[in-house]
PDB file of N, CA and C in Angstrom:
ATOM      1  N   MET A   1      87.302 122.432  83.810  1.00  0.00           N
ATOM      2  CA  MET A   1      88.545 121.959  84.383  1.00  0.00           C
ATOM      3  C   MET A   1      88.295 120.581  84.971  1.00  0.00           C
ATOM      4  N   GLY A   2      88.938 119.586  84.405  1.00  0.00           N
ATOM      5  CA  GLY A   2      88.710 118.236  84.874  1.00  0.00           C
ATOM      6  C   GLY A   2      89.991 117.444  84.946  1.00  0.00           C
ATOM      7  N   LEU A   3      89.825 116.163  85.038  1.00  0.00           N
ATOM      8  CA  LEU A   3      90.990 115.285  85.139  1.00  0.00           C
ATOM      9  C   LEU A   3      91.832 115.313  83.875  1.00  0.00           C
ATOM     10  N   GLU A   4      91.197 115.558  82.718  1.00  0.00           N
ATOM     11  CA  GLU A   4      91.951 115.629  81.468  1.00  0.00           C
ATOM     12  C   GLU A   4      92.848 116.860  81.441  1.00  0.00           C
ATOM     13  N   ASP A   5      92.335 117.973  81.973  1.00  0.00           N
ATOM     14  CA  ASP A   5      93.083 119.227  81.964  1.00  0.00           C
ATOM     15  C   ASP A   5      94.173 119.257  83.036  1.00  0.00           C
ATOM     16  N   GLU A   6      93.863 118.729  84.192  1.00  0.00           N
ATOM     17  CA  GLU A   6      94.795 118.739  85.319  1.00  0.00           C
ATOM     18  C   GLU A   6      94.833 117.356  85.955  1.00  0.00           C
ATOM     19  N   PRO A   7      95.546 116.421  85.351  1.00  0.00           N
ATOM     20  CA  PRO A   7      95.550 115.048  85.864  1.00  0.00           C
ATOM     21  C   PRO A   7      96.341 114.910  87.165  1.00  0.00           C
ATOM     22  N   PHE A   8      96.023 113.863  87.884  1.00  0.00           N
ATOM     23  CA  PHE A   8      96.772 113.511  89.084  1.00  0.00           C
ATOM     24  C   PHE A   8      98.040 112.780  88.678  1.00  0.00           C
ATOM     25  N   ASP A   9      99.038 112.866  89.513  1.00  0.00           N
ATOM     26  CA  ASP A   9     100.255 112.096  89.362  1.00  0.00           C
ATOM     27  C   ASP A   9     100.519 111.472  90.728  1.00  0.00           C
ATOM     28  N   TYR A  10     101.377 110.485  90.792  1.00  0.00           N
ATOM     29  CA  TYR A  10     101.662 109.864  92.081  1.00  0.00           C
ATOM     30  C   TYR A  10     103.086 109.356  92.139  1.00  0.00           C
ATOM     31  N   ARG A  11     103.556 109.211  93.363  1.00  0.00           N
ATOM     32  CA  ARG A  11     104.866 108.624  93.639  1.00  0.00           C
ATOM     33  C   ARG A  11     104.680 107.605  94.760  1.00  0.00           C
ATOM     34  N   ILE A  12     105.455 106.559  94.700  1.00  0.00           N
ATOM     35  CA  ILE A  12     105.443 105.559  95.753  1.00  0.00           C
ATOM     36  C   ILE A  12     106.814 105.590  96.410  1.00  0.00           C
ATOM     37  N   THR A  13     106.844 105.813  97.704  1.00  0.00           N
ATOM     38  CA  THR A  13     108.113 105.902  98.425  1.00  0.00           C
ATOM     39  C   THR A  13     108.636 104.510  98.772  1.00  0.00           C
ATOM     40  N   LYS A  14     109.882 104.449  99.190  1.00  0.00           N
ATOM     41  CA  LYS A  14     110.489 103.172  99.585  1.00  0.00           C
ATOM     42  C   LYS A  14     109.760 102.543 100.770  1.00  0.00           C
ATOM     43  N   SER A  15     109.193 103.395 101.613  1.00  0.00           N
ATOM     44  CA  SER A  15     108.486 102.879 102.795  1.00  0.00           C
ATOM     45  C   SER A  15     107.067 102.421 102.475  1.00  0.00           C
ATOM     46  N   GLY A  16     106.638 102.601 101.207  1.00  0.00           N
ATOM     47  CA  GLY A  16     105.312 102.140 100.810  1.00  0.00           C
ATOM     48  C   GLY A  16     104.227 103.189 100.886  1.00  0.00           C
ATOM     49  N   MET A  17     104.623 104.418 101.118  1.00  0.00           N
ATOM     50  CA  MET A  17     103.644 105.501 101.172  1.00  0.00           C
ATOM     51  C   MET A  17     103.322 105.958  99.747  1.00  0.00           C
ATOM     52  N   LEU A  18     102.073 106.272  99.501  1.00  0.00           N
ATOM     53  CA  LEU A  18     101.615 106.770  98.215  1.00  0.00           C
ATOM     54  C   LEU A  18     101.407 108.272  98.330  1.00  0.00           C
ATOM     55  N   ILE A  19     102.104 109.029  97.495  1.00  0.00           N
ATOM     56  CA  ILE A  19     101.982 110.488  97.499  1.00  0.00           C
ATOM     57  C   ILE A  19     101.272 110.895  96.220  1.00  0.00           C
ATOM     58  N   ILE A  20     100.112 111.530  96.374  1.00  0.00           N
ATOM     59  CA  ILE A  20      99.308 111.956  95.237  1.00  0.00           C
ATOM     60  C   ILE A  20      99.565 113.438  94.988  1.00  0.00           C
ATOM     61  N   VAL A  21      99.870 113.773  93.722  1.00  0.00           N
ATOM     62  CA  VAL A  21     100.258 115.129  93.341  1.00  0.00           C
ATOM     63  C   VAL A  21      99.342 115.605  92.222  1.00  0.00           C
ATOM     64  N   ARG A  22      98.995 116.901  92.252  1.00  0.00           N
ATOM     65  CA  ARG A  22      98.230 117.523  91.175  1.00  0.00           C
ATOM     66  C   ARG A  22      98.709 118.959  91.025  1.00  0.00           C
ATOM     67  N   ASN A  23      99.000 119.350  89.810  1.00  0.00           N
ATOM     68  CA  ASN A  23      99.533 120.688  89.518  1.00  0.00           C
ATOM     69  C   ASN A  23     100.826 120.963  90.278  1.00  0.00           C
ATOM     70  N   GLY A  24     101.650 119.942  90.456  1.00  0.00           N
ATOM     71  CA  GLY A  24     102.922 120.121  91.124  1.00  0.00           C
ATOM     72  C   GLY A  24     102.851 120.223  92.637  1.00  0.00           C
ATOM     73  N   ARG A  25     101.662 120.074  93.189  1.00  0.00           N
ATOM     74  CA  ARG A  25     101.487 120.176  94.635  1.00  0.00           C
ATOM     75  C   ARG A  25     101.019 118.844  95.201  1.00  0.00           C
ATOM     76  N   THR A  26     101.520 118.522  96.375  1.00  0.00           N
ATOM     77  CA  THR A  26     101.077 117.312  97.048  1.00  0.00           C
ATOM     78  C   THR A  26      99.653 117.511  97.530  1.00  0.00           C
ATOM     79  N   VAL A  27      98.771 116.626  97.088  1.00  0.00           N
ATOM     80  CA  VAL A  27      97.367 116.701  97.466  1.00  0.00           C
ATOM     81  C   VAL A  27      97.110 115.856  98.701  1.00  0.00           C
ATOM     82  N   MET A  28      97.725 114.664  98.729  1.00  0.00           N
ATOM     83  CA  MET A  28      97.474 113.746  99.830  1.00  0.00           C
ATOM     84  C   MET A  28      98.610 112.743  99.933  1.00  0.00           C
ATOM     85  N   GLU A  29      98.869 112.319 101.153  1.00  0.00           N
ATOM     86  CA  GLU A  29      99.827 111.249 101.408  1.00  0.00           C
ATOM     87  C   GLU A  29      99.068 110.105 102.054  1.00  0.00           C
ATOM     88  N   ILE A  30      99.161 108.934 101.447  1.00  0.00           N
ATOM     89  CA  ILE A  30      98.420 107.780 101.946  1.00  0.00           C
ATOM     90  C   ILE A  30      99.422 106.713 102.348  1.00  0.00           C
ATOM     91  N   GLY A  31      99.250 106.186 103.518  1.00  0.00           N
ATOM     92  CA  GLY A  31     100.150 105.159 104.003  1.00  0.00           C
ATOM     93  C   GLY A  31      99.398 103.946 104.508  1.00  0.00           C
ATOM     94  N   CYS A  32     100.128 103.005 105.013  1.00  0.00           N
ATOM     95  CA  CYS A  32      99.609 101.798 105.667  1.00  0.00           C
ATOM     96  C   CYS A  32      98.683 100.983 104.803  1.00  0.00           C
ATOM     97  N   ARG A  33      97.570 100.584 105.381  1.00  0.00           N
ATOM     98  CA  ARG A  33      96.656  99.649 104.726  1.00  0.00           C
ATOM     99  C   ARG A  33      96.023 100.214 103.466  1.00  0.00           C
ATOM    100  N   LYS A  34      95.621 101.473 103.516  1.00  0.00           N
ATOM    101  CA  LYS A  34      94.955 102.070 102.346  1.00  0.00           C
ATOM    102  C   LYS A  34      95.901 102.101 101.146  1.00  0.00           C
ATOM    103  N   ALA A  35      97.150 102.445 101.362  1.00  0.00           N
ATOM    104  CA  ALA A  35      98.140 102.453 100.278  1.00  0.00           C
ATOM    105  C   ALA A  35      98.403 101.043  99.779  1.00  0.00           C
ATOM    106  N   ALA A  36      98.460 100.080 100.685  1.00  0.00           N
ATOM    107  CA  ALA A  36      98.715  98.692 100.302  1.00  0.00           C
ATOM    108  C   ALA A  36      97.608  98.140  99.416  1.00  0.00           C
ATOM    109  N   VAL A  37      96.394  98.646  99.577  1.00  0.00           N
ATOM    110  CA  VAL A  37      95.270  98.217  98.741  1.00  0.00           C
ATOM    111  C   VAL A  37      95.268  98.970  97.414  1.00  0.00           C
ATOM    112  N   LEU A  38      95.587 100.245  97.447  1.00  0.00           N
ATOM    113  CA  LEU A  38      95.494 101.103  96.267  1.00  0.00           C
ATOM    114  C   LEU A  38      96.663 100.908  95.294  1.00  0.00           C
ATOM    115  N   ILE A  39      97.866 100.754  95.771  1.00  0.00           N
ATOM    116  CA  ILE A  39      99.061 100.678  94.920  1.00  0.00           C
ATOM    117  C   ILE A  39      98.991  99.558  93.880  1.00  0.00           C
ATOM    118  N   PRO A  40      98.565  98.341  94.224  1.00  0.00           N
ATOM    119  CA  PRO A  40      98.497  97.294  93.195  1.00  0.00           C
ATOM    120  C   PRO A  40      97.488  97.583  92.080  1.00  0.00           C
ATOM    121  N   LYS A  41      96.513  98.420  92.357  1.00  0.00           N
ATOM    122  CA  LYS A  41      95.500  98.759  91.346  1.00  0.00           C
ATOM    123  C   LYS A  41      96.003  99.806  90.360  1.00  0.00           C
ATOM    124  N   LEU A  42      97.035 100.547  90.733  1.00  0.00           N
ATOM    125  CA  LEU A  42      97.571 101.605  89.872  1.00  0.00           C
ATOM    126  C   LEU A  42      98.448 101.015  88.780  1.00  0.00           C
ATOM    127  N   GLY A  43      98.506 101.696  87.640  1.00  0.00           N
ATOM    128  CA  GLY A  43      99.377 101.278  86.559  1.00  0.00           C
ATOM    129  C   GLY A  43      98.720 100.395  85.526  1.00  0.00           C
ATOM    130  N   ARG A  44      97.466 100.074  85.719  1.00  0.00           N
ATOM    131  CA  ARG A  44      96.768  99.228  84.741  1.00  0.00           C
ATOM    132  C   ARG A  44      96.407 100.019  83.495  1.00  0.00           C
ATOM    133  N   SER A  45      95.867 101.234  83.692  1.00  0.00           N
ATOM    134  CA  SER A  45      95.600 102.146  82.571  1.00  0.00           C
ATOM    135  C   SER A  45      95.494 103.553  83.118  1.00  0.00           C
ATOM    136  N   ASP A  46      95.788 104.541  82.278  1.00  0.00           N
ATOM    137  CA  ASP A  46      95.787 105.931  82.724  1.00  0.00           C
ATOM    138  C   ASP A  46      94.413 106.383  83.198  1.00  0.00           C
ATOM    139  N   ASP A  47      93.365 105.966  82.485  1.00  0.00           N
ATOM    140  CA  ASP A  47      92.018 106.398  82.860  1.00  0.00           C
ATOM    141  C   ASP A  47      91.630 105.874  84.235  1.00  0.00           C
ATOM    142  N   SER A  48      91.895 104.601  84.473  1.00  0.00           N
ATOM    143  CA  SER A  48      91.511 104.050  85.765  1.00  0.00           C
ATOM    144  C   SER A  48      92.382 104.626  86.881  1.00  0.00           C
ATOM    145  N   ASP A  49      93.647 104.923  86.591  1.00  0.00           N
ATOM    146  CA  ASP A  49      94.509 105.561  87.590  1.00  0.00           C
ATOM    147  C   ASP A  49      93.923 106.898  88.025  1.00  0.00           C
ATOM    148  N   GLN A  50      93.485 107.695  87.058  1.00  0.00           N
ATOM    149  CA  GLN A  50      92.934 109.003  87.377  1.00  0.00           C
ATOM    150  C   GLN A  50      91.685 108.877  88.246  1.00  0.00           C
ATOM    151  N   GLN A  51      90.837 107.928  87.928  1.00  0.00           N
ATOM    152  CA  GLN A  51      89.625 107.725  88.726  1.00  0.00           C
ATOM    153  C   GLN A  51      89.965 107.229  90.131  1.00  0.00           C
ATOM    154  N   LEU A  52      90.906 106.306  90.237  1.00  0.00           N
ATOM    155  CA  LEU A  52      91.310 105.798  91.547  1.00  0.00           C
ATOM    156  C   LEU A  52      91.905 106.903  92.413  1.00  0.00           C
ATOM    157  N   LEU A  53      92.771 107.719  91.815  1.00  0.00           N
ATOM    158  CA  LEU A  53      93.406 108.800  92.572  1.00  0.00           C
ATOM    159  C   LEU A  53      92.389 109.867  92.966  1.00  0.00           C
ATOM    160  N   ALA A  54      91.459 110.168  92.069  1.00  0.00           N
ATOM    161  CA  ALA A  54      90.421 111.153  92.386  1.00  0.00           C
ATOM    162  C   ALA A  54      89.557 110.655  93.541  1.00  0.00           C
ATOM    163  N   ARG A  55      89.201 109.396  93.507  1.00  0.00           N
ATOM    164  CA  ARG A  55      88.382 108.839  94.583  1.00  0.00           C
ATOM    165  C   ARG A  55      89.152 108.807  95.907  1.00  0.00           C
ATOM    166  N   ALA A  56      90.431 108.491  95.848  1.00  0.00           N
ATOM    167  CA  ALA A  56      91.238 108.438  97.067  1.00  0.00           C
ATOM    168  C   ALA A  56      91.338 109.814  97.727  1.00  0.00           C
ATOM    169  N   THR A  57      91.390 110.869  96.901  1.00  0.00           N
ATOM    170  CA  THR A  57      91.496 112.212  97.453  1.00  0.00           C
ATOM    171  C   THR A  57      90.140 112.814  97.792  1.00  0.00           C
ATOM    172  N   GLY A  58      89.071 112.179  97.323  1.00  0.00           N
ATOM    173  CA  GLY A  58      87.741 112.740  97.545  1.00  0.00           C
ATOM    174  C   GLY A  58      87.401 113.800  96.529  1.00  0.00           C
ATOM    175  N   ASN A  59      88.226 113.946  95.487  1.00  0.00           N
ATOM    176  CA  ASN A  59      88.041 114.981  94.478  1.00  0.00           C
ATOM    177  C   ASN A  59      87.444 114.368  93.211  1.00  0.00           C
ATOM    178  N   TYR A  60      86.182 114.014  93.286  1.00  0.00           N
ATOM    179  CA  TYR A  60      85.508 113.466  92.115  1.00  0.00           C
ATOM    180  C   TYR A  60      84.022 113.773  92.210  1.00  0.00           C
ATOM    181  N   ARG A  61      83.361 113.692  91.098  1.00  0.00           N
ATOM    182  CA  ARG A  61      81.925 113.956  91.058  1.00  0.00           C
ATOM    183  C   ARG A  61      81.168 112.675  91.361  1.00  0.00           C
ATOM    184  N   HIS A  62      80.185 112.807  92.190  1.00  0.00           N
ATOM    185  CA  HIS A  62      79.359 111.673  92.568  1.00  0.00           C
ATOM    186  C   HIS A  62      78.208 111.465  91.578  1.00  0.00           C
ATOM    187  N   GLY A  63      77.882 112.496  90.818  1.00  0.00           N
ATOM    188  CA  GLY A  63      76.765 112.414  89.890  1.00  0.00           C
ATOM    189  C   GLY A  63      75.476 112.927  90.479  1.00  0.00           C
ATOM    190  N   ASN A  64      75.501 113.264  91.750  1.00  0.00           N
ATOM    191  CA  ASN A  64      74.281 113.747  92.380  1.00  0.00           C
ATOM    192  C   ASN A  64      74.417 115.178  92.904  1.00  0.00           C
ATOM    193  N   GLU A  65      75.410 115.912  92.384  1.00  0.00           N
ATOM    194  CA  GLU A  65      75.578 117.284  92.806  1.00  0.00           C
ATOM    195  C   GLU A  65      74.432 118.130  92.277  1.00  0.00           C
ATOM    196  N   ARG A  66      74.066 119.097  93.053  1.00  0.00           N
ATOM    197  CA  ARG A  66      73.038 120.033  92.612  1.00  0.00           C
ATOM    198  C   ARG A  66      73.720 121.292  92.114  1.00  0.00           C
ATOM    199  N   HIS A  67      73.233 121.772  90.995  1.00  0.00           N
ATOM    200  CA  HIS A  67      73.775 122.990  90.437  1.00  0.00           C
ATOM    201  C   HIS A  67      72.814 124.130  90.768  1.00  0.00           C
ATOM    202  N   VAL A  68      73.325 125.100  91.480  1.00  0.00           N
ATOM    203  CA  VAL A  68      72.515 126.221  91.894  1.00  0.00           C
ATOM    204  C   VAL A  68      72.673 127.334  90.873  1.00  0.00           C
ATOM    205  N   ASN A  69      71.572 127.820  90.371  1.00  0.00           N
ATOM    206  CA  ASN A  69      71.605 128.961  89.450  1.00  0.00           C
ATOM    207  C   ASN A  69      71.704 130.231  90.261  1.00  0.00           C
ATOM    208  N   ARG A  70      72.845 130.846  90.182  1.00  0.00           N
ATOM    209  CA  ARG A  70      73.073 132.086  90.933  1.00  0.00           C
ATOM    210  C   ARG A  70      73.080 133.251  89.978  1.00  0.00           C
ATOM    211  N   PRO A  71      72.545 134.370  90.396  1.00  0.00           N
ATOM    212  CA  PRO A  71      72.574 135.550  89.530  1.00  0.00           C
ATOM    213  C   PRO A  71      74.007 136.019  89.327  1.00  0.00           C
ATOM    214  N   HIS A  72      74.291 136.487  88.132  1.00  0.00           N
ATOM    215  CA  HIS A  72      75.653 136.938  87.811  1.00  0.00           C
ATOM    216  C   HIS A  72      75.853 138.357  88.203  1.00  0.00           C
TER     217      HIS A  72
END
C-alpha cells in the first residue's frame, strides 16, 4: 500500500489554508507560512505533488527504517 494505491489529494481554501486529504479523510490542515511555501510548489507534476504532500504530513519512508522479523 503506497502513494500509487492511495494517493493524497489537496484543497486550497480562500483564506490560503492547505487541506490534505487521503482516502476521503482530512489528514492535515496547514496554514500560514508553511502553506505559503508549499502551495506554489504544488501542481508542477503529480509525482512531485505526492512526495511533497507525504513529506508535509510526515507519512513517507526515510529509507532508514528497520524491518523487524516477527514470528507469524
